Protein backbone atom coordinates (compact mmCIF):
# COMPACT_ATOMS: atom_id res chain seq x y z
CA MET A 1 0.36 -0.02 -0.21
CA ILE A 2 2.68 2.54 0.71
CA GLY A 3 4.71 1.60 -2.24
CA GLU A 4 1.46 2.18 -4.21
CA GLN A 5 1.35 5.82 -2.73
CA THR A 6 4.56 6.72 -3.51
CA SER A 7 5.34 5.17 -6.57
CA PRO A 8 6.42 7.49 -9.52
CA VAL A 9 3.07 6.16 -11.63
CA ARG A 10 0.60 7.29 -9.03
CA MET A 11 2.49 10.80 -8.45
CA TRP A 12 2.05 11.11 -12.73
CA ARG A 13 -1.26 10.29 -12.27
CA LEU A 14 -1.95 12.85 -9.80
CA GLY A 15 -0.16 15.64 -11.95
CA PRO A 16 -2.09 18.48 -13.22
CA TRP A 17 -2.43 17.22 -16.80
CA SER A 18 -4.52 14.00 -15.57
CA GLY A 19 -7.74 13.36 -16.95
CA ASN A 20 -9.49 12.07 -13.79
CA ARG A 21 -12.81 13.45 -13.27
CA LEU A 22 -12.38 13.04 -9.31
CA MET A 23 -9.36 15.77 -9.33
CA ARG A 24 -10.56 19.35 -7.65
CA ALA A 25 -8.94 22.49 -8.90
CA SER A 26 -7.37 22.65 -5.76
CA ASP A 27 -5.23 19.22 -6.33
CA ARG A 28 -4.59 20.47 -9.50
CA LEU A 29 -3.38 24.22 -8.34
CA GLU A 30 -1.23 21.89 -5.93
CA SER A 31 0.52 19.96 -8.13
CA SER A 32 1.14 22.59 -10.31
CA VAL A 33 2.77 24.70 -7.50
CA PHE A 34 4.74 21.46 -6.54
CA ILE A 35 6.08 21.33 -9.88
CA VAL A 36 6.90 24.80 -10.19
CA VAL A 37 8.93 24.63 -6.97
CA VAL A 38 11.08 22.24 -7.93
CA ALA A 39 11.85 23.22 -11.02
CA LEU A 40 13.05 26.64 -9.30
CA VAL A 41 14.90 25.09 -6.56
CA LEU A 42 16.77 23.25 -9.28
CA ILE A 43 17.43 26.19 -11.47
CA MET A 44 18.80 28.15 -8.41
CA VAL A 45 21.78 25.23 -8.30
CA PRO A 46 23.65 26.92 -11.56
CA PHE A 47 22.45 30.63 -10.49
CA ALA A 48 23.94 30.18 -6.65
CA ALA A 49 26.90 28.45 -8.16
CA ALA A 50 27.67 31.42 -10.78
CA PHE A 51 27.43 33.30 -7.67
CA GLY A 52 29.68 31.62 -5.38
CA THR A 53 32.41 31.96 -8.53
CA ALA A 54 31.94 35.72 -8.84
CA THR A 55 32.18 35.97 -4.99
CA ASN A 56 35.83 33.84 -4.89
CA THR A 57 36.44 36.21 -7.92
CA ARG A 58 35.96 39.23 -6.10
CA LEU A 59 37.79 37.89 -2.64
CA ASN A 60 40.44 36.66 -4.78
CA ASP A 61 41.05 40.43 -6.37
CA GLN A 62 41.15 42.00 -2.49
CA THR A 63 43.85 39.45 -1.24
CA ARG A 64 45.96 40.42 -4.81
CA THR A 65 45.11 44.29 -3.42
CA ASP A 66 45.81 43.63 0.10
CA ARG A 67 49.38 41.41 -0.99
CA GLU A 68 50.11 44.87 -2.48
CA THR A 69 49.22 47.50 0.10
CA ARG A 70 50.01 45.12 3.22
CA HIS A 71 53.46 43.96 4.48
CA GLU A 72 54.59 41.52 7.19
CA ILE A 73 57.22 43.12 9.56
CA PRO A 74 58.56 42.09 12.82
CA ALA A 75 57.81 43.39 16.02
CA VAL A 76 58.85 43.15 19.28
CA LEU A 77 56.90 42.41 22.23
CA LEU A 78 57.05 44.87 25.16
CA ALA A 79 55.62 42.54 27.75
CA ASP A 80 54.22 38.85 27.79
CA SER A 81 51.27 37.54 26.33
CA ARG A 82 48.40 38.38 28.61
CA ALA A 83 46.52 35.46 27.17
CA GLN A 84 44.01 34.22 30.05
CA LEU A 85 44.94 29.96 29.81
CA ALA A 86 42.12 27.14 31.24
CA ASP A 87 43.22 25.17 33.90
CA THR A 88 42.91 22.39 32.08
CA THR A 89 45.87 19.94 30.73
CA PRO A 90 46.36 20.54 28.17
CA ALA A 91 46.59 23.52 28.14
CA PRO A 92 44.18 25.17 24.76
CA ARG A 93 46.60 27.63 22.50
CA SER A 94 44.55 30.44 22.56
CA LYS A 95 45.82 33.66 21.44
CA GLY A 96 45.98 36.91 23.76
CA PRO A 97 46.72 40.69 23.35
CA ALA A 98 50.42 41.75 24.27
CA PRO A 99 52.15 45.53 23.41
CA ALA A 100 54.76 45.56 20.68
CA GLN A 101 56.77 47.71 19.07
CA TRP A 102 57.82 48.03 15.07
CA THR A 103 59.22 50.31 12.84
CA ALA A 104 58.09 51.41 9.35
CA ASN A 105 58.92 54.24 6.96
CA GLY A 106 61.19 55.23 9.96
CA THR A 107 58.26 56.12 12.39
CA THR A 108 58.20 53.96 15.60
CA HIS A 109 54.95 52.36 16.36
CA THR A 110 53.51 50.58 19.06
CA GLY A 111 50.14 48.83 19.40
CA GLN A 112 48.23 45.74 20.66
CA VAL A 113 48.68 42.60 18.70
CA GLN A 114 47.58 38.98 19.06
CA THR A 115 50.31 36.71 20.16
CA ASP A 116 50.60 32.79 21.74
CA PRO A 117 50.19 32.42 25.04
CA GLU A 118 53.55 31.18 25.99
CA ALA A 119 55.31 35.01 23.89
CA LYS A 120 57.12 36.67 26.47
CA SER A 121 58.40 40.07 26.71
CA GLY A 122 61.64 40.96 24.17
CA GLN A 123 60.21 38.27 21.59
CA THR A 124 59.99 39.32 18.08
CA ILE A 125 56.95 38.40 16.43
CA SER A 126 55.41 38.97 12.59
CA VAL A 127 52.66 41.48 12.17
CA TRP A 128 51.23 42.91 8.96
CA ILE A 129 50.88 46.30 8.46
CA ASP A 130 49.45 48.95 5.76
CA GLN A 131 51.34 51.56 3.87
CA VAL A 132 51.00 54.14 6.96
CA GLY A 133 52.28 51.56 9.47
CA ASN A 134 49.10 50.45 10.91
CA LEU A 135 48.36 47.10 11.85
CA VAL A 136 46.05 45.11 9.66
CA ASP A 137 44.82 41.68 9.03
CA PRO A 138 46.79 39.43 6.93
CA PRO A 139 44.95 38.84 3.53
CA THR A 140 43.33 36.08 2.93
CA THR A 141 44.38 32.78 1.55
CA GLY A 142 43.14 30.69 -1.77
CA THR A 143 41.76 27.90 0.37
CA GLU A 144 39.91 30.84 3.08
CA ASN A 145 38.37 32.47 -0.36
CA ALA A 146 37.27 29.18 -1.29
CA LEU A 147 35.16 28.58 1.34
CA ALA A 148 33.72 31.59 1.95
CA ALA A 149 32.49 31.45 -1.86
CA VAL A 150 30.96 27.74 -1.43
CA GLY A 151 29.10 28.75 2.03
CA SER A 152 28.08 32.39 0.14
CA ALA A 153 26.51 29.72 -2.55
CA LEU A 154 25.11 27.49 -0.12
CA ALA A 155 23.31 30.23 1.70
CA VAL A 156 21.71 31.77 -1.16
CA TRP A 157 20.98 28.86 -2.60
CA THR A 158 19.44 27.93 1.15
CA THR A 159 17.45 31.07 1.61
CA ILE A 160 15.56 30.91 -2.07
CA SER A 161 14.88 27.44 -1.68
CA SER A 162 13.22 27.29 1.84
CA PHE A 163 11.48 30.70 0.26
CA PHE A 164 10.15 28.52 -2.52
CA LEU A 165 9.44 25.41 0.03
CA LEU A 166 7.65 27.67 2.81
CA MET A 167 5.04 28.96 -0.07
CA LEU A 168 4.47 25.50 -1.33
CA PHE A 169 3.43 24.66 2.03
CA GLY A 170 1.54 27.60 2.89
CA ILE A 171 -0.41 26.78 -0.19
CA ARG A 172 -0.87 22.95 0.97
CA TRP A 173 -2.07 24.11 4.18
CA ALA A 174 -4.39 26.72 2.68
CA GLY A 175 -5.56 24.21 0.33
CA THR A 176 -6.34 21.48 3.13
CA ARG A 177 -7.82 24.00 5.01
CA TYR A 178 -10.43 24.69 2.05
CA ARG A 179 -11.00 20.85 1.39
CA MET A 180 -11.69 20.90 4.87
CA THR A 181 -14.10 23.55 4.73
CA GLN A 182 -16.19 22.37 1.94
CA TRP A 183 -16.31 18.42 3.48
CA ASP A 184 -17.64 20.00 6.81
CA ARG A 185 -20.14 22.58 4.87
CA GLU A 186 -21.03 19.02 2.69
CA TRP A 187 -21.70 16.74 5.72
CA ARG A 188 -23.56 18.88 7.23
CA ASN A 189 -25.84 19.70 4.21
CA LEU A 190 -25.88 16.03 3.65
CA GLY A 191 -29.49 15.38 5.53
CA LYS A 192 -30.93 18.36 3.93
CA ALA A 193 -30.76 17.21 0.20
CA PRO A 194 -33.97 16.19 -2.07
CA GLY A 195 -35.14 12.93 -1.26
CA TRP A 196 -33.65 12.77 2.00
CA PRO A 197 -35.37 12.75 5.09
CA VAL A 198 -34.53 15.35 7.59
CA SER A 199 -33.86 13.95 11.37
């Protein structure tokens, strides 16, 4: 019984093109909406892929620009790292802030940098700076850009597909409510039909 209910043949017979006279207009409407939603969800796959490709290209262009305007230079820590380590063994290697000093374009700069928990005062580390010597984040890698692009593509496809699916569920819910109302009305009027006794 379950196999018959979910068989492709039965689904085909329940399509809006079916010649079955017992199918109501609401049934045909729901079948049409279902087909349209499935088609739209599938069509969104290449569009999401194109969006992800464009995002990856944009991020890679930004990375190239950052590598032209940002530089990695040595800096000297002015104090120990202030990373807070948990009392667990082994301790997590979370980074923490520490004051550091570096020289760029003949000017000495100081600022807070993120260092390993065991970093000590006087230790030399590497920092990224812009053209005027201010601290900046390092350029992203190609792998990071690719992961971000894939995530954005999936987010676009999931968001739009969810909207279409919610629309489908809403139409099915409204159709079910409409049919239930019709059945309830017909059931109440059953005893009032001509030729039937009223009791």
